[in-house]
Amino acid sequence: LWACSQAELWTISDVTKRNLKELRYETSRLLRQLVEDLPDPEL
């Protein structure tokens, strides 16, 4: 995740920055769905 953030900060293009932010959003959304059936940990 740190490397992904640095890759996003390295870009200069406004279009690429928007695409990377959208990538963060879609990845977060997909991961939310993918882990839905995983068990909750004991805390």
PDB file of all heavy atoms in Angstrom:
ATOM      1  N   LEU A   1       0.822  -1.208   0.000  1.00  0.00           N
ATOM      2  CA  LEU A   1       0.000   0.000   0.000  1.00  0.00           C
ATOM      3  C   LEU A   1       0.855   1.256   0.000  1.00  0.00           C
ATOM      4  O   LEU A   1       0.497   2.264  -0.635  1.00  0.00           O
ATOM      5  CB  LEU A   1      -0.944  -0.017   1.206  1.00  0.00           C
ATOM      6  CG  LEU A   1      -1.981  -1.147   1.231  1.00  0.00           C
ATOM      7  CD1 LEU A   1      -2.896  -1.005   2.443  1.00  0.00           C
ATOM      8  CD2 LEU A   1      -2.811  -1.160  -0.052  1.00  0.00           C
ATOM      9  N   TRP A   2       2.018   1.235   0.700  1.00  0.00           N
ATOM     10  CA  TRP A   2       2.919   2.389   0.679  1.00  0.00           C
ATOM     11  C   TRP A   2       3.450   2.604  -0.732  1.00  0.00           C
ATOM     12  O   TRP A   2       3.520   3.742  -1.222  1.00  0.00           O
ATOM     13  CB  TRP A   2       4.067   2.166   1.663  1.00  0.00           C
ATOM     14  CG  TRP A   2       4.967   3.363   1.807  1.00  0.00           C
ATOM     15  CD1 TRP A   2       4.813   4.434   2.619  1.00  0.00           C
ATOM     16  CD2 TRP A   2       6.191   3.591   1.097  1.00  0.00           C
ATOM     17  NE1 TRP A   2       5.840   5.330   2.481  1.00  0.00           N
ATOM     18  CE2 TRP A   2       6.719   4.838   1.538  1.00  0.00           C
ATOM     19  CE3 TRP A   2       6.902   2.877   0.131  1.00  0.00           C
ATOM     20  CZ2 TRP A   2       7.908   5.380   1.054  1.00  0.00           C
ATOM     21  CZ3 TRP A   2       8.087   3.418  -0.362  1.00  0.00           C
ATOM     22  CH2 TRP A   2       8.582   4.655   0.102  1.00  0.00           C
ATOM     23  N   ALA A   3       3.806   1.515  -1.427  1.00  0.00           N
ATOM     24  CA  ALA A   3       4.324   1.618  -2.791  1.00  0.00           C
ATOM     25  C   ALA A   3       3.251   2.162  -3.743  1.00  0.00           C
ATOM     26  O   ALA A   3       3.546   2.980  -4.627  1.00  0.00           O
ATOM     27  CB  ALA A   3       4.819   0.256  -3.270  1.00  0.00           C
ATOM     28  N   CYS A   4       2.022   1.726  -3.559  1.00  0.00           N
ATOM     29  CA  CYS A   4       0.931   2.247  -4.399  1.00  0.00           C
ATOM     30  C   CYS A   4       0.761   3.751  -4.192  1.00  0.00           C
ATOM     31  O   CYS A   4       0.527   4.512  -5.152  1.00  0.00           O
ATOM     32  CB  CYS A   4      -0.370   1.523  -4.078  1.00  0.00           C
ATOM     33  SG  CYS A   4      -0.445  -0.187  -4.650  1.00  0.00           S
ATOM     34  N   SER A   5       0.878   4.177  -2.949  1.00  0.00           N
ATOM     35  CA  SER A   5       0.758   5.604  -2.654  1.00  0.00           C
ATOM     36  C   SER A   5       1.884   6.392  -3.291  1.00  0.00           C
ATOM     37  O   SER A   5       1.670   7.492  -3.836  1.00  0.00           O
ATOM     38  CB  SER A   5       0.752   5.825  -1.139  1.00  0.00           C
ATOM     39  OG  SER A   5      -0.403   5.267  -0.563  1.00  0.00           O
ATOM     40  N   GLN A   6       3.093   5.869  -3.223  1.00  0.00           N
ATOM     41  CA  GLN A   6       4.225   6.578  -3.819  1.00  0.00           C
ATOM     42  C   GLN A   6       4.110   6.645  -5.330  1.00  0.00           C
ATOM     43  O   GLN A   6       4.467   7.653  -5.954  1.00  0.00           O
ATOM     44  CB  GLN A   6       5.551   5.906  -3.412  1.00  0.00           C
ATOM     45  CG  GLN A   6       5.776   5.822  -1.907  1.00  0.00           C
ATOM     46  CD  GLN A   6       5.275   7.049  -1.176  1.00  0.00           C
ATOM     47  OE1 GLN A   6       5.745   8.169  -1.405  1.00  0.00           O
ATOM     48  NE2 GLN A   6       4.307   6.845  -0.280  1.00  0.00           N
ATOM     49  N   ALA A   7       3.601   5.579  -5.933  1.00  0.00           N
ATOM     50  CA  ALA A   7       3.397   5.594  -7.383  1.00  0.00           C
ATOM     51  C   ALA A   7       2.381   6.662  -7.768  1.00  0.00           C
ATOM     52  O   ALA A   7       2.518   7.344  -8.801  1.00  0.00           O
ATOM     53  CB  ALA A   7       2.931   4.218  -7.852  1.00  0.00           C
ATOM     54  N   GLU A   8       1.373   6.844  -6.941  1.00  0.00           N
ATOM     55  CA  GLU A   8       0.364   7.867  -7.208  1.00  0.00           C
ATOM     56  C   GLU A   8       0.958   9.262  -7.063  1.00  0.00           C
ATOM     57  O   GLU A   8       0.643  10.177  -7.842  1.00  0.00           O
ATOM     58  CB  GLU A   8      -0.820   7.675  -6.247  1.00  0.00           C
ATOM     59  CG  GLU A   8      -2.002   8.578  -6.539  1.00  0.00           C
ATOM     60  CD  GLU A   8      -3.223   8.232  -5.703  1.00  0.00           C
ATOM     61  OE1 GLU A   8      -3.290   7.126  -5.148  1.00  0.00           O
ATOM     62  OE2 GLU A   8      -4.116   9.105  -5.616  1.00  0.00           O
ATOM     63  N   LEU A   9       1.852   9.451  -6.067  1.00  0.00           N
ATOM     64  CA  LEU A   9       2.470  10.759  -5.860  1.00  0.00           C
ATOM     65  C   LEU A   9       3.492  11.077  -6.954  1.00  0.00           C
ATOM     66  O   LEU A   9       3.795  12.252  -7.211  1.00  0.00           O
ATOM     67  CB  LEU A   9       3.147  10.808  -4.486  1.00  0.00           C
ATOM     68  CG  LEU A   9       2.207  10.767  -3.275  1.00  0.00           C
ATOM     69  CD1 LEU A   9       3.019  10.696  -1.983  1.00  0.00           C
ATOM     70  CD2 LEU A   9       1.292  11.980  -3.250  1.00  0.00           C
ATOM     71  N   TRP A  10       4.028  10.082  -7.590  1.00  0.00           N
ATOM     72  CA  TRP A  10       5.086  10.297  -8.591  1.00  0.00           C
ATOM     73  C   TRP A  10       4.535  10.861  -9.896  1.00  0.00           C
ATOM     74  O   TRP A  10       5.221  11.553 -10.628  1.00  0.00           O
ATOM     75  CB  TRP A  10       5.786   8.950  -8.853  1.00  0.00           C
ATOM     76  CG  TRP A  10       6.939   9.044  -9.801  1.00  0.00           C
ATOM     77  CD1 TRP A  10       8.167   9.586  -9.573  1.00  0.00           C
ATOM     78  CD2 TRP A  10       6.963   8.566 -11.149  1.00  0.00           C
ATOM     79  NE1 TRP A  10       8.974   9.483 -10.666  1.00  0.00           N
ATOM     80  CE2 TRP A  10       8.252   8.856 -11.668  1.00  0.00           C
ATOM     81  CE3 TRP A  10       6.047   7.929 -11.972  1.00  0.00           C
ATOM     82  CZ2 TRP A  10       8.636   8.522 -12.970  1.00  0.00           C
ATOM     83  CZ3 TRP A  10       6.415   7.599 -13.266  1.00  0.00           C
ATOM     84  CH2 TRP A  10       7.695   7.894 -13.748  1.00  0.00           C
ATOM     85  N   THR A  11       3.230  10.576 -10.165  1.00  0.00           N
ATOM     86  CA  THR A  11       2.679  11.000 -11.444  1.00  0.00           C
ATOM     87  C   THR A  11       2.461  12.509 -11.479  1.00  0.00           C
ATOM     88  O   THR A  11       2.164  13.150 -10.462  1.00  0.00           O
ATOM     89  CB  THR A  11       1.366  10.267 -11.742  1.00  0.00           C
ATOM     90  OG1 THR A  11       0.942  10.614 -13.063  1.00  0.00           O
ATOM     91  CG2 THR A  11       0.277  10.696 -10.767  1.00  0.00           C
ATOM     92  N   ILE A  12       2.606  13.089 -12.646  1.00  0.00           N
ATOM     93  CA  ILE A  12       2.416  14.529 -12.857  1.00  0.00           C
ATOM     94  C   ILE A  12       1.122  14.805 -13.619  1.00  0.00           C
ATOM     95  O   ILE A  12       0.449  15.804 -13.407  1.00  0.00           O
ATOM     96  CB  ILE A  12       3.610  15.117 -13.636  1.00  0.00           C
ATOM     97  CG1 ILE A  12       4.894  14.920 -12.832  1.00  0.00           C
ATOM     98  CG2 ILE A  12       3.398  16.601 -13.926  1.00  0.00           C
ATOM     99  CD1 ILE A  12       4.891  15.574 -11.478  1.00  0.00           C
ATOM    100  N   SER A  13       0.735  13.874 -14.475  1.00  0.00           N
ATOM    101  CA  SER A  13      -0.438  14.057 -15.331  1.00  0.00           C
ATOM    102  C   SER A  13      -1.718  14.104 -14.512  1.00  0.00           C
ATOM    103  O   SER A  13      -1.972  13.234 -13.678  1.00  0.00           O
ATOM    104  CB  SER A  13      -0.515  12.924 -16.357  1.00  0.00           C
ATOM    105  OG  SER A  13      -1.780  12.881 -16.966  1.00  0.00           O
ATOM    106  N   ASP A  14      -2.541  15.132 -14.768  1.00  0.00           N
ATOM    107  CA  ASP A  14      -3.820  15.242 -14.072  1.00  0.00           C
ATOM    108  C   ASP A  14      -4.738  14.059 -14.400  1.00  0.00           C
ATOM    109  O   ASP A  14      -5.460  13.556 -13.538  1.00  0.00           O
ATOM    110  CB  ASP A  14      -4.521  16.547 -14.448  1.00  0.00           C
ATOM    111  CG  ASP A  14      -3.836  17.763 -13.842  1.00  0.00           C
ATOM    112  OD1 ASP A  14      -3.098  17.584 -12.856  1.00  0.00           O
ATOM    113  OD2 ASP A  14      -4.053  18.877 -14.354  1.00  0.00           O
ATOM    114  N   VAL A  15      -4.714  13.623 -15.654  1.00  0.00           N
ATOM    115  CA  VAL A  15      -5.556  12.496 -16.068  1.00  0.00           C
ATOM    116  C   VAL A  15      -5.134  11.228 -15.332  1.00  0.00           C
ATOM    117  O   VAL A  15      -5.960  10.477 -14.801  1.00  0.00           O
ATOM    118  CB  VAL A  15      -5.472  12.279 -17.587  1.00  0.00           C
ATOM    119  CG1 VAL A  15      -6.223  11.009 -17.983  1.00  0.00           C
ATOM    120  CG2 VAL A  15      -6.044  13.483 -18.326  1.00  0.00           C
ATOM    121  N   THR A  16      -3.814  10.995 -15.273  1.00  0.00           N
ATOM    122  CA  THR A  16      -3.316   9.795 -14.580  1.00  0.00           C
ATOM    123  C   THR A  16      -3.636   9.859 -13.092  1.00  0.00           C
ATOM    124  O   THR A  16      -3.994   8.854 -12.473  1.00  0.00           O
ATOM    125  CB  THR A  16      -1.805   9.662 -14.789  1.00  0.00           C
ATOM    126  OG1 THR A  16      -1.523   9.641 -16.198  1.00  0.00           O
ATOM    127  CG2 THR A  16      -1.276   8.385 -14.157  1.00  0.00           C
ATOM    128  N   LYS A  17      -3.521  11.057 -12.499  1.00  0.00           N
ATOM    129  CA  LYS A  17      -3.837  11.197 -11.079  1.00  0.00           C
ATOM    130  C   LYS A  17      -5.297  10.843 -10.818  1.00  0.00           C
ATOM    131  O   LYS A  17      -5.615  10.164  -9.832  1.00  0.00           O
ATOM    132  CB  LYS A  17      -3.540  12.634 -10.617  1.00  0.00           C
ATOM    133  CG  LYS A  17      -2.062  12.909 -10.370  1.00  0.00           C
ATOM    134  CD  LYS A  17      -1.847  14.234  -9.693  1.00  0.00           C
ATOM    135  CE  LYS A  17      -2.216  15.384 -10.606  1.00  0.00           C
ATOM    136  NZ  LYS A  17      -1.872  16.701  -9.999  1.00  0.00           N
ATOM    137  N   ARG A  18      -6.200  11.316 -11.695  1.00  0.00           N
ATOM    138  CA  ARG A  18      -7.615  10.997 -11.532  1.00  0.00           C
ATOM    139  C   ARG A  18      -7.851   9.497 -11.680  1.00  0.00           C
ATOM    140  O   ARG A  18      -8.626   8.893 -10.933  1.00  0.00           O
ATOM    141  CB  ARG A  18      -8.456  11.773 -12.556  1.00  0.00           C
ATOM    142  CG  ARG A  18      -8.636  13.248 -12.225  1.00  0.00           C
ATOM    143  CD  ARG A  18      -9.768  13.849 -13.027  1.00  0.00           C
ATOM    144  NE  ARG A  18      -9.514  13.794 -14.462  1.00  0.00           N
ATOM    145  CZ  ARG A  18      -8.873  14.743 -15.145  1.00  0.00           C
ATOM    146  NH1 ARG A  18      -8.420  15.822 -14.526  1.00  0.00           N
ATOM    147  NH2 ARG A  18      -8.685  14.611 -16.443  1.00  0.00           N
ATOM    148  N   ASN A  19      -7.146   8.894 -12.645  1.00  0.00           N
ATOM    149  CA  ASN A  19      -7.301   7.451 -12.864  1.00  0.00           C
ATOM    150  C   ASN A  19      -6.794   6.649 -11.663  1.00  0.00           C
ATOM    151  O   ASN A  19      -7.403   5.639 -11.262  1.00  0.00           O
ATOM    152  CB  ASN A  19      -6.554   7.021 -14.131  1.00  0.00           C
ATOM    153  CG  ASN A  19      -7.232   7.525 -15.393  1.00  0.00           C
ATOM    154  OD1 ASN A  19      -8.424   7.846 -15.379  1.00  0.00           O
ATOM    155  ND2 ASN A  19      -6.487   7.598 -16.486  1.00  0.00           N
ATOM    156  N   LEU A  20      -5.683   7.101 -11.077  1.00  0.00           N
ATOM    157  CA  LEU A  20      -5.139   6.390  -9.924  1.00  0.00           C
ATOM    158  C   LEU A  20      -6.051   6.526  -8.715  1.00  0.00           C
ATOM    159  O   LEU A  20      -6.228   5.585  -7.933  1.00  0.00           O
ATOM    160  CB  LEU A  20      -3.734   6.901  -9.601  1.00  0.00           C
ATOM    161  CG  LEU A  20      -2.634   6.498 -10.590  1.00  0.00           C
ATOM    162  CD1 LEU A  20      -1.332   7.191 -10.253  1.00  0.00           C
ATOM    163  CD2 LEU A  20      -2.438   4.985 -10.575  1.00  0.00           C
ATOM    164  N   LYS A  21      -6.642   7.696  -8.551  1.00  0.00           N
ATOM    165  CA  LYS A  21      -7.583   7.874  -7.448  1.00  0.00           C
ATOM    166  C   LYS A  21      -8.814   6.987  -7.656  1.00  0.00           C
ATOM    167  O   LYS A  21      -9.328   6.368  -6.709  1.00  0.00           O
ATOM    168  CB  LYS A  21      -8.000   9.341  -7.339  1.00  0.00           C
ATOM    169  CG  LYS A  21      -8.877   9.613  -6.119  1.00  0.00           C
ATOM    170  CD  LYS A  21      -9.142  11.106  -5.946  1.00  0.00           C
ATOM    171  CE  LYS A  21      -9.977  11.350  -4.685  1.00  0.00           C
ATOM    172  NZ  LYS A  21     -10.240  12.780  -4.469  1.00  0.00           N
ATOM    173  N   GLU A  22      -9.283   6.913  -8.902  1.00  0.00           N
ATOM    174  CA  GLU A  22     -10.414   6.050  -9.210  1.00  0.00           C
ATOM    175  C   GLU A  22     -10.044   4.583  -8.990  1.00  0.00           C
ATOM    176  O   GLU A  22     -10.864   3.786  -8.527  1.00  0.00           O
ATOM    177  CB  GLU A  22     -10.852   6.271 -10.668  1.00  0.00           C
ATOM    178  CG  GLU A  22     -12.090   5.477 -11.081  1.00  0.00           C
ATOM    179  CD  GLU A  22     -13.337   5.908 -10.334  1.00  0.00           C
ATOM    180  OE1 GLU A  22     -13.390   7.049  -9.842  1.00  0.00           O
ATOM    181  OE2 GLU A  22     -14.275   5.093 -10.245  1.00  0.00           O
ATOM    182  N   LEU A  23      -8.777   4.252  -9.301  1.00  0.00           N
ATOM    183  CA  LEU A  23      -8.308   2.891  -9.055  1.00  0.00           C
ATOM    184  C   LEU A  23      -8.357   2.563  -7.557  1.00  0.00           C
ATOM    185  O   LEU A  23      -8.756   1.467  -7.164  1.00  0.00           O
ATOM    186  CB  LEU A  23      -6.877   2.734  -9.578  1.00  0.00           C
ATOM    187  CG  LEU A  23      -6.218   1.366  -9.325  1.00  0.00           C
ATOM    188  CD1 LEU A  23      -6.932   0.276 -10.102  1.00  0.00           C
ATOM    189  CD2 LEU A  23      -4.737   1.409  -9.713  1.00  0.00           C
ATOM    190  N   ARG A  24      -7.960   3.529  -6.717  1.00  0.00           N
ATOM    191  CA  ARG A  24      -8.027   3.335  -5.269  1.00  0.00           C
ATOM    192  C   ARG A  24      -9.473   3.083  -4.825  1.00  0.00           C
ATOM    193  O   ARG A  24      -9.738   2.211  -3.997  1.00  0.00           O
ATOM    194  CB  ARG A  24      -7.499   4.579  -4.543  1.00  0.00           C
ATOM    195  CG  ARG A  24      -6.121   4.404  -3.958  1.00  0.00           C
ATOM    196  CD  ARG A  24      -5.782   5.518  -2.988  1.00  0.00           C
ATOM    197  NE  ARG A  24      -5.774   6.830  -3.583  1.00  0.00           N
ATOM    198  CZ  ARG A  24      -6.329   7.899  -3.038  1.00  0.00           C
ATOM    199  NH1 ARG A  24      -6.979   7.799  -1.894  1.00  0.00           N
ATOM    200  NH2 ARG A  24      -6.265   9.058  -3.639  1.00  0.00           N
ATOM    201  N   TYR A  25     -10.370   3.877  -5.379  1.00  0.00           N
ATOM    202  CA  TYR A  25     -11.771   3.744  -5.017  1.00  0.00           C
ATOM    203  C   TYR A  25     -12.317   2.375  -5.423  1.00  0.00           C
ATOM    204  O   TYR A  25     -12.957   1.682  -4.620  1.00  0.00           O
ATOM    205  CB  TYR A  25     -12.589   4.857  -5.698  1.00  0.00           C
ATOM    206  CG  TYR A  25     -14.070   4.769  -5.446  1.00  0.00           C
ATOM    207  CD1 TYR A  25     -14.633   5.303  -4.293  1.00  0.00           C
ATOM    208  CD2 TYR A  25     -14.907   4.121  -6.354  1.00  0.00           C
ATOM    209  CE1 TYR A  25     -15.998   5.206  -4.049  1.00  0.00           C
ATOM    210  CE2 TYR A  25     -16.262   4.019  -6.123  1.00  0.00           C
ATOM    211  CZ  TYR A  25     -16.799   4.567  -4.971  1.00  0.00           C
ATOM    212  OH  TYR A  25     -18.153   4.452  -4.723  1.00  0.00           O
ATOM    213  N   GLU A  26     -12.072   1.969  -6.681  1.00  0.00           N
ATOM    214  CA  GLU A  26     -12.600   0.697  -7.162  1.00  0.00           C
ATOM    215  C   GLU A  26     -11.956  -0.482  -6.445  1.00  0.00           C
ATOM    216  O   GLU A  26     -12.625  -1.473  -6.125  1.00  0.00           O
ATOM    217  CB  GLU A  26     -12.371   0.576  -8.677  1.00  0.00           C
ATOM    218  CG  GLU A  26     -13.287   1.438  -9.516  1.00  0.00           C
ATOM    219  CD  GLU A  26     -14.749   1.072  -9.297  1.00  0.00           C
ATOM    220  OE1 GLU A  26     -15.059  -0.137  -9.202  1.00  0.00           O
ATOM    221  OE2 GLU A  26     -15.586   1.979  -9.194  1.00  0.00           O
ATOM    222  N   THR A  27     -10.657  -0.399  -6.176  1.00  0.00           N
ATOM    223  CA  THR A  27      -9.982  -1.484  -5.465  1.00  0.00           C
ATOM    224  C   THR A  27     -10.543  -1.636  -4.055  1.00  0.00           C
ATOM    225  O   THR A  27     -10.792  -2.748  -3.579  1.00  0.00           O
ATOM    226  CB  THR A  27      -8.462  -1.215  -5.396  1.00  0.00           C
ATOM    227  OG1 THR A  27      -7.947  -1.095  -6.720  1.00  0.00           O
ATOM    228  CG2 THR A  27      -7.737  -2.338  -4.679  1.00  0.00           C
ATOM    229  N   SER A  28     -10.763  -0.502  -3.377  1.00  0.00           N
ATOM    230  CA  SER A  28     -11.334  -0.542  -2.028  1.00  0.00           C
ATOM    231  C   SER A  28     -12.727  -1.142  -2.044  1.00  0.00           C
ATOM    232  O   SER A  28     -13.096  -1.921  -1.151  1.00  0.00           O
ATOM    233  CB  SER A  28     -11.371   0.865  -1.433  1.00  0.00           C
ATOM    234  OG  SER A  28     -10.069   1.414  -1.326  1.00  0.00           O
ATOM    235  N   ARG A  29     -13.513  -0.801  -3.072  1.00  0.00           N
ATOM    236  CA  ARG A  29     -14.872  -1.330  -3.183  1.00  0.00           C
ATOM    237  C   ARG A  29     -14.850  -2.833  -3.440  1.00  0.00           C
ATOM    238  O   ARG A  29     -15.596  -3.604  -2.803  1.00  0.00           O
ATOM    239  CB  ARG A  29     -15.620  -0.615  -4.312  1.00  0.00           C
ATOM    240  CG  ARG A  29     -17.078  -1.050  -4.471  1.00  0.00           C
ATOM    241  CD  ARG A  29     -17.729  -0.346  -5.648  1.00  0.00           C
ATOM    242  NE  ARG A  29     -17.106  -0.731  -6.904  1.00  0.00           N
ATOM    243  CZ  ARG A  29     -17.417  -1.858  -7.567  1.00  0.00           C
ATOM    244  NH1 ARG A  29     -18.326  -2.692  -7.072  1.00  0.00           N
ATOM    245  NH2 ARG A  29     -16.834  -2.145  -8.704  1.00  0.00           N
ATOM    246  N   LEU A  30     -13.986  -3.266  -4.347  1.00  0.00           N
ATOM    247  CA  LEU A  30     -13.913  -4.685  -4.673  1.00  0.00           C
ATOM    248  C   LEU A  30     -13.410  -5.511  -3.487  1.00  0.00           C
ATOM    249  O   LEU A  30     -13.910  -6.608  -3.211  1.00  0.00           O
ATOM    250  CB  LEU A  30     -13.009  -4.899  -5.886  1.00  0.00           C
ATOM    251  CG  LEU A  30     -13.569  -4.402  -7.225  1.00  0.00           C
ATOM    252  CD1 LEU A  30     -12.492  -4.451  -8.304  1.00  0.00           C
ATOM    253  CD2 LEU A  30     -14.768  -5.234  -7.636  1.00  0.00           C
ATOM    254  N   LEU A  31     -12.424  -4.985  -2.764  1.00  0.00           N
ATOM    255  CA  LEU A  31     -11.913  -5.709  -1.599  1.00  0.00           C
ATOM    256  C   LEU A  31     -12.978  -5.831  -0.516  1.00  0.00           C
ATOM    257  O   LEU A  31     -13.055  -6.836   0.182  1.00  0.00           O
ATOM    258  CB  LEU A  31     -10.677  -4.995  -1.037  1.00  0.00           C
ATOM    259  CG  LEU A  31      -9.391  -5.135  -1.863  1.00  0.00           C
ATOM    260  CD1 LEU A  31      -8.287  -4.271  -1.283  1.00  0.00           C
ATOM    261  CD2 LEU A  31      -8.945  -6.598  -1.913  1.00  0.00           C
ATOM    262  N   ARG A  32     -13.806  -4.806  -0.396  1.00  0.00           N
ATOM    263  CA  ARG A  32     -14.908  -4.864   0.572  1.00  0.00           C
ATOM    264  C   ARG A  32     -15.823  -6.051   0.262  1.00  0.00           C
ATOM    265  O   ARG A  32     -16.248  -6.792   1.149  1.00  0.00           O
ATOM    266  CB  ARG A  32     -15.703  -3.562   0.524  1.00  0.00           C
ATOM    267  CG  ARG A  32     -16.845  -3.476   1.534  1.00  0.00           C
ATOM    268  CD  ARG A  32     -17.624  -2.189   1.334  1.00  0.00           C
ATOM    269  NE  ARG A  32     -16.790  -1.031   1.582  1.00  0.00           N
ATOM    270  CZ  ARG A  32     -16.603  -0.478   2.788  1.00  0.00           C
ATOM    271  NH1 ARG A  32     -17.222  -0.994   3.833  1.00  0.00           N
ATOM    272  NH2 ARG A  32     -15.828   0.567   2.931  1.00  0.00           N
ATOM    273  N   GLN A  33     -16.104  -6.264  -1.025  1.00  0.00           N
ATOM    274  CA  GLN A  33     -16.979  -7.366  -1.414  1.00  0.00           C
ATOM    275  C   GLN A  33     -16.275  -8.717  -1.323  1.00  0.00           C
ATOM    276  O   GLN A  33     -16.867  -9.717  -0.909  1.00  0.00           O
ATOM    277  CB  GLN A  33     -17.489  -7.143  -2.843  1.00  0.00           C
ATOM    278  CG  GLN A  33     -18.399  -5.925  -2.978  1.00  0.00           C
ATOM    279  CD  GLN A  33     -18.822  -5.681  -4.407  1.00  0.00           C
ATOM    280  OE1 GLN A  33     -18.064  -5.928  -5.339  1.00  0.00           O
ATOM    281  NE2 GLN A  33     -20.044  -5.189  -4.586  1.00  0.00           N
ATOM    282  N   LEU A  34     -15.002  -8.739  -1.680  1.00  0.00           N
ATOM    283  CA  LEU A  34     -14.274 -10.007  -1.707  1.00  0.00           C
ATOM    284  C   LEU A  34     -14.099 -10.618  -0.319  1.00  0.00           C
ATOM    285  O   LEU A  34     -14.044 -11.839  -0.178  1.00  0.00           O
ATOM    286  CB  LEU A  34     -12.900  -9.812  -2.362  1.00  0.00           C
ATOM    287  CG  LEU A  34     -12.900  -9.647  -3.885  1.00  0.00           C
ATOM    288  CD1 LEU A  34     -11.533  -9.219  -4.377  1.00  0.00           C
ATOM    289  CD2 LEU A  34     -13.324 -10.952  -4.554  1.00  0.00           C
ATOM    290  N   VAL A  35     -13.995  -9.780   0.704  1.00  0.00           N
ATOM    291  CA  VAL A  35     -13.770 -10.315   2.054  1.00  0.00           C
ATOM    292  C   VAL A  35     -15.069 -10.498   2.823  1.00  0.00           C
ATOM    293  O   VAL A  35     -15.049 -10.887   3.990  1.00  0.00           O
ATOM    294  CB  VAL A  35     -12.816  -9.405   2.867  1.00  0.00           C
ATOM    295  CG1 VAL A  35     -11.487  -9.236   2.159  1.00  0.00           C
ATOM    296  CG2 VAL A  35     -13.444  -8.038   3.151  1.00  0.00           C
ATOM    297  N   GLU A  36     -16.196 -10.258   2.155  1.00  0.00           N
ATOM    298  CA  GLU A  36     -17.483 -10.292   2.862  1.00  0.00           C
ATOM    299  C   GLU A  36     -17.724 -11.625   3.563  1.00  0.00           C
ATOM    300  O   GLU A  36     -18.249 -11.676   4.678  1.00  0.00           O
ATOM    301  CB  GLU A  36     -18.614 -10.019   1.868  1.00  0.00           C
ATOM    302  CG  GLU A  36     -19.986  -9.946   2.504  1.00  0.00           C
ATOM    303  CD  GLU A  36     -21.074  -9.605   1.497  1.00  0.00           C
ATOM    304  OE1 GLU A  36     -20.756  -9.524   0.289  1.00  0.00           O
ATOM    305  OE2 GLU A  36     -22.226  -9.448   1.909  1.00  0.00           O
ATOM    306  N   ASP A  37     -17.339 -12.736   2.926  1.00  0.00           N
ATOM    307  CA  ASP A  37     -17.610 -14.058   3.491  1.00  0.00           C
ATOM    308  C   ASP A  37     -16.489 -14.588   4.366  1.00  0.00           C
ATOM    309  O   ASP A  37     -16.592 -15.700   4.897  1.00  0.00           O
ATOM    310  CB  ASP A  37     -17.888 -15.059   2.361  1.00  0.00           C
ATOM    311  CG  ASP A  37     -19.193 -14.748   1.631  1.00  0.00           C
ATOM    312  OD1 ASP A  37     -20.098 -14.202   2.281  1.00  0.00           O
ATOM    313  OD2 ASP A  37     -19.292 -15.051   0.433  1.00  0.00           O
ATOM    314  N   LEU A  38     -15.414 -13.823   4.527  1.00  0.00           N
ATOM    315  CA  LEU A  38     -14.345 -14.263   5.417  1.00  0.00           C
ATOM    316  C   LEU A  38     -14.806 -14.137   6.864  1.00  0.00           C
ATOM    317  O   LEU A  38     -15.598 -13.255   7.202  1.00  0.00           O
ATOM    318  CB  LEU A  38     -13.084 -13.422   5.199  1.00  0.00           C
ATOM    319  CG  LEU A  38     -12.381 -13.577   3.850  1.00  0.00           C
ATOM    320  CD1 LEU A  38     -11.149 -12.678   3.805  1.00  0.00           C
ATOM    321  CD2 LEU A  38     -11.988 -15.021   3.591  1.00  0.00           C
ATOM    322  N   PRO A  39     -14.332 -15.015   7.748  1.00  0.00           N
ATOM    323  CA  PRO A  39     -14.774 -14.943   9.151  1.00  0.00           C
ATOM    324  C   PRO A  39     -14.250 -13.703   9.841  1.00  0.00           C
ATOM    325  O   PRO A  39     -13.161 -13.209   9.529  1.00  0.00           O
ATOM    326  CB  PRO A  39     -14.176 -16.219   9.769  1.00  0.00           C
ATOM    327  CG  PRO A  39     -12.995 -16.535   8.913  1.00  0.00           C
ATOM    328  CD  PRO A  39     -13.378 -16.111   7.518  1.00  0.00           C
ATOM    329  N   ASP A  40     -15.027 -13.190  10.791  1.00  0.00           N
ATOM    330  CA  ASP A  40     -14.561 -12.092  11.618  1.00  0.00           C
ATOM    331  C   ASP A  40     -13.574 -12.635  12.633  1.00  0.00           C
ATOM    332  O   ASP A  40     -13.774 -13.718  13.200  1.00  0.00           O
ATOM    333  CB  ASP A  40     -15.730 -11.431  12.348  1.00  0.00           C
ATOM    334  CG  ASP A  40     -16.508 -10.511  11.443  1.00  0.00           C
ATOM    335  OD1 ASP A  40     -17.323 -11.008  10.647  1.00  0.00           O
ATOM    336  OD2 ASP A  40     -16.301  -9.294  11.530  1.00  0.00           O
ATOM    337  N   PRO A  41     -12.504 -11.891  12.905  1.00  0.00           N
ATOM    338  CA  PRO A  41     -11.514 -12.370  13.872  1.00  0.00           C
ATOM    339  C   PRO A  41     -12.025 -12.242  15.295  1.00  0.00           C
ATOM    340  O   PRO A  41     -12.908 -11.435  15.586  1.00  0.00           O
ATOM    341  CB  PRO A  41     -10.325 -11.431  13.637  1.00  0.00           C
ATOM    342  CG  PRO A  41     -10.944 -10.162  13.171  1.00  0.00           C
ATOM    343  CD  PRO A  41     -12.138 -10.581  12.343  1.00  0.00           C
ATOM    344  N   GLU A  42     -11.486 -13.069  16.176  1.00  0.00           N
ATOM    345  CA  GLU A  42     -11.763 -12.928  17.596  1.00  0.00           C
ATOM    346  C   GLU A  42     -10.933 -11.768  18.130  1.00  0.00           C
ATOM    347  O   GLU A  42      -9.716 -11.728  17.947  1.00  0.00           O
ATOM    348  CB  GLU A  42     -11.411 -14.213  18.351  1.00  0.00           C
ATOM    349  CG  GLU A  42     -12.356 -15.365  18.063  1.00  0.00           C
ATOM    350  CD  GLU A  42     -13.752 -15.112  18.601  1.00  0.00           C
ATOM    351  OE1 GLU A  42     -13.859 -14.417  19.627  1.00  0.00           O
ATOM    352  OE2 GLU A  42     -14.723 -15.609  18.002  1.00  0.00           O
ATOM    353  N   LEU A  43     -11.588 -10.823  18.794  1.00  0.00           N
ATOM    354  CA  LEU A  43     -10.895  -9.650  19.306  1.00  0.00           C
ATOM    355  C   LEU A  43     -11.053  -9.554  20.809  1.00  0.00           C
ATOM    356  O   LEU A  43     -12.094  -9.904  21.360  1.00  0.00           O
ATOM    357  CB  LEU A  43     -11.463  -8.370  18.668  1.00  0.00           C
ATOM    358  CG  LEU A  43     -11.104  -8.150  17.198  1.00  0.00           C
ATOM    359  CD1 LEU A  43     -11.983  -7.060  16.625  1.00  0.00           C
ATOM    360  CD2 LEU A  43      -9.651  -7.762  17.053  1.00  0.00           C
TER     361      LEU A  43
END
